[in-house]
Each structure stands twice: as C-alpha cells, then as structure tokens.
Amino acid sequence: MAGIVFFLLGIKKQLSYGAVFLMHLISTLSSYERYFDPWTSPNLLFFAAWPMLAAIVALYLLREEDTLLTIKKAGA
C-alpha cells in the first residue's frame, strides 16, 4: 500500500514507478488465457490492460519529466 501511495505522490519515482510496472505486468501476464480466447465472456476489460501497461512504461521512462503534482524536497 505504501508503494501505491509513493506512486501517487511521486515519491522515490524509480522505485515506486518500477514497482507499479512490475505489479501491473504480473497481473497482465497472469491472465494470458483470456487473450487467447477473446470471444468467451467476460473478456473485454482484459484487453484494456495492454494500453495501461504501455502507459506505465512511458511514465517510467519519462519519470524525470513528471513534475506537475510531485512533492519536492525543501531547497531543491
């Protein structure tokens, strides 16, 4: 839970963004059977995981540019 709070607040970006990426990667890959049988209901929401995974990768790669709502250290 602390990792998610760190992610939301932009604290320890390399660690927290990486942890969120790994958690989402594991949850996306663990449901691989759903991707091979897309016509069985309910499957539609499983396909939304891939664009979200790409967004997390982009956020991780651009973490130094993500400063809009980041809590900054005093004097930095």
C-alpha atoms as a PDB file:
ATOM      1  CA  MET A   1       0.000   0.000   0.000  1.00  0.00           C
ATOM      2  CA  ALA A   2       2.871   2.350   0.760  1.00  0.00           C
ATOM      3  CA  GLY A   3       4.273   1.757  -2.729  1.00  0.00           C
ATOM      4  CA  ILE A   4       1.000   2.862  -4.294  1.00  0.00           C
ATOM      5  CA  VAL A   5       0.929   5.982  -2.110  1.00  0.00           C
ATOM      6  CA  PHE A   6       4.523   6.744  -3.121  1.00  0.00           C
ATOM      7  CA  PHE A   7       3.496   6.292  -6.757  1.00  0.00           C
ATOM      8  CA  LEU A   8       0.527   8.636  -6.391  1.00  0.00           C
ATOM      9  CA  LEU A   9       2.598  11.303  -4.649  1.00  0.00           C
ATOM     10  CA  GLY A  10       5.634  10.963  -6.914  1.00  0.00           C
ATOM     11  CA  ILE A  11       7.983   9.915  -4.117  1.00  0.00           C
ATOM     12  CA  LYS A  12      11.003   7.695  -4.956  1.00  0.00           C
ATOM     13  CA  LYS A  13       9.930   7.590  -8.584  1.00  0.00           C
ATOM     14  CA  GLN A  14      12.367   4.997  -9.855  1.00  0.00           C
ATOM     15  CA  LEU A  15      11.369   2.547  -7.144  1.00  0.00           C
ATOM     16  CA  SER A  16       7.633   3.279  -6.942  1.00  0.00           C
ATOM     17  CA  TYR A  17       7.028   3.558 -10.699  1.00  0.00           C
ATOM     18  CA  GLY A  18       9.048   0.395 -11.244  1.00  0.00           C
ATOM     19  CA  ALA A  19       7.053  -1.453  -8.584  1.00  0.00           C
ATOM     20  CA  VAL A  20       3.745  -0.391 -10.137  1.00  0.00           C
ATOM     21  CA  PHE A  21       5.044  -1.504 -13.540  1.00  0.00           C
ATOM     22  CA  LEU A  22       6.032  -4.921 -12.190  1.00  0.00           C
ATOM     23  CA  MET A  23       2.713  -5.392 -10.380  1.00  0.00           C
ATOM     24  CA  HIS A  24       0.749  -4.499 -13.486  1.00  0.00           C
ATOM     25  CA  LEU A  25       2.978  -6.639 -15.701  1.00  0.00           C
ATOM     26  CA  ILE A  26       2.415  -9.660 -13.482  1.00  0.00           C
ATOM     27  CA  SER A  27      -1.337  -9.130 -13.353  1.00  0.00           C
ATOM     28  CA  THR A  28      -1.486  -8.650 -17.132  1.00  0.00           C
ATOM     29  CA  LEU A  29       0.569 -11.720 -17.953  1.00  0.00           C
ATOM     30  CA  SER A  30      -1.150 -13.921 -15.364  1.00  0.00           C
ATOM     31  CA  SER A  31      -4.399 -13.758 -17.310  1.00  0.00           C
ATOM     32  CA  TYR A  32      -2.860 -14.784 -20.629  1.00  0.00           C
ATOM     33  CA  GLU A  33      -5.547 -17.439 -21.225  1.00  0.00           C
ATOM     34  CA  ARG A  34      -8.118 -14.678 -21.645  1.00  0.00           C
ATOM     35  CA  TYR A  35      -6.172 -13.166 -24.543  1.00  0.00           C
ATOM     36  CA  PHE A  36      -6.149 -16.422 -26.491  1.00  0.00           C
ATOM     37  CA  ASP A  37      -9.922 -16.872 -26.155  1.00  0.00           C
ATOM     38  CA  PRO A  38     -11.343 -13.364 -26.614  1.00  0.00           C
ATOM     39  CA  TRP A  39     -14.847 -14.474 -27.587  1.00  0.00           C
ATOM     40  CA  THR A  40     -15.665 -16.035 -24.234  1.00  0.00           C
ATOM     41  CA  SER A  41     -17.449 -13.605 -21.951  1.00  0.00           C
ATOM     42  CA  PRO A  42     -16.414 -11.521 -19.932  1.00  0.00           C
ATOM     43  CA  ASN A  43     -13.133 -10.616 -21.604  1.00  0.00           C
ATOM     44  CA  LEU A  44     -13.358  -7.039 -22.806  1.00  0.00           C
ATOM     45  CA  LEU A  45     -11.706  -5.462 -19.764  1.00  0.00           C
ATOM     46  CA  PHE A  46      -8.667  -7.721 -20.009  1.00  0.00           C
ATOM     47  CA  PHE A  47      -7.656  -6.016 -23.255  1.00  0.00           C
ATOM     48  CA  ALA A  48      -7.507  -2.633 -21.523  1.00  0.00           C
ATOM     49  CA  ALA A  49      -4.509  -3.899 -19.556  1.00  0.00           C
ATOM     50  CA  TRP A  50      -2.144  -3.655 -22.545  1.00  0.00           C
ATOM     51  CA  PRO A  51      -2.532   0.090 -23.229  1.00  0.00           C
ATOM     52  CA  MET A  52      -2.301   0.687 -19.475  1.00  0.00           C
ATOM     53  CA  LEU A  53       0.930  -1.306 -19.368  1.00  0.00           C
ATOM     54  CA  ALA A  54       2.301   0.808 -22.219  1.00  0.00           C
ATOM     55  CA  ALA A  55       1.317   3.973 -20.332  1.00  0.00           C
ATOM     56  CA  ILE A  56       3.142   2.786 -17.219  1.00  0.00           C
ATOM     57  CA  VAL A  57       6.251   2.020 -19.287  1.00  0.00           C
ATOM     58  CA  ALA A  58       6.090   5.525 -20.790  1.00  0.00           C
ATOM     59  CA  LEU A  59       5.637   7.053 -17.346  1.00  0.00           C
ATOM     60  CA  TYR A  60       8.623   5.099 -16.023  1.00  0.00           C
ATOM     61  CA  LEU A  61      10.817   6.165 -18.940  1.00  0.00           C
ATOM     62  CA  LEU A  62       9.754   9.807 -18.566  1.00  0.00           C
ATOM     63  CA  ARG A  63       9.745   9.866 -14.751  1.00  0.00           C
ATOM     64  CA  GLU A  64      12.199  12.786 -14.567  1.00  0.00           C
ATOM     65  CA  GLU A  65       9.819  14.901 -16.649  1.00  0.00           C
ATOM     66  CA  ASP A  66       6.818  14.090 -14.442  1.00  0.00           C
ATOM     67  CA  THR A  67       6.863  17.092 -12.100  1.00  0.00           C
ATOM     68  CA  LEU A  68       3.351  18.588 -12.246  1.00  0.00           C
ATOM     69  CA  LEU A  69       1.968  17.285  -8.940  1.00  0.00           C
ATOM     70  CA  THR A  70       5.198  15.912  -7.470  1.00  0.00           C
ATOM     71  CA  ILE A  71       6.074  16.744  -3.884  1.00  0.00           C
ATOM     72  CA  LYS A  72       9.557  18.245  -3.961  1.00  0.00           C
ATOM     73  CA  LYS A  73      12.208  18.344  -1.255  1.00  0.00           C
ATOM     74  CA  ALA A  74      12.747  21.642   0.515  1.00  0.00           C
ATOM     75  CA  GLY A  75      15.591  23.578  -1.075  1.00  0.00           C
ATOM     76  CA  ALA A  76      15.545  21.549  -4.269  1.00  0.00           C
END
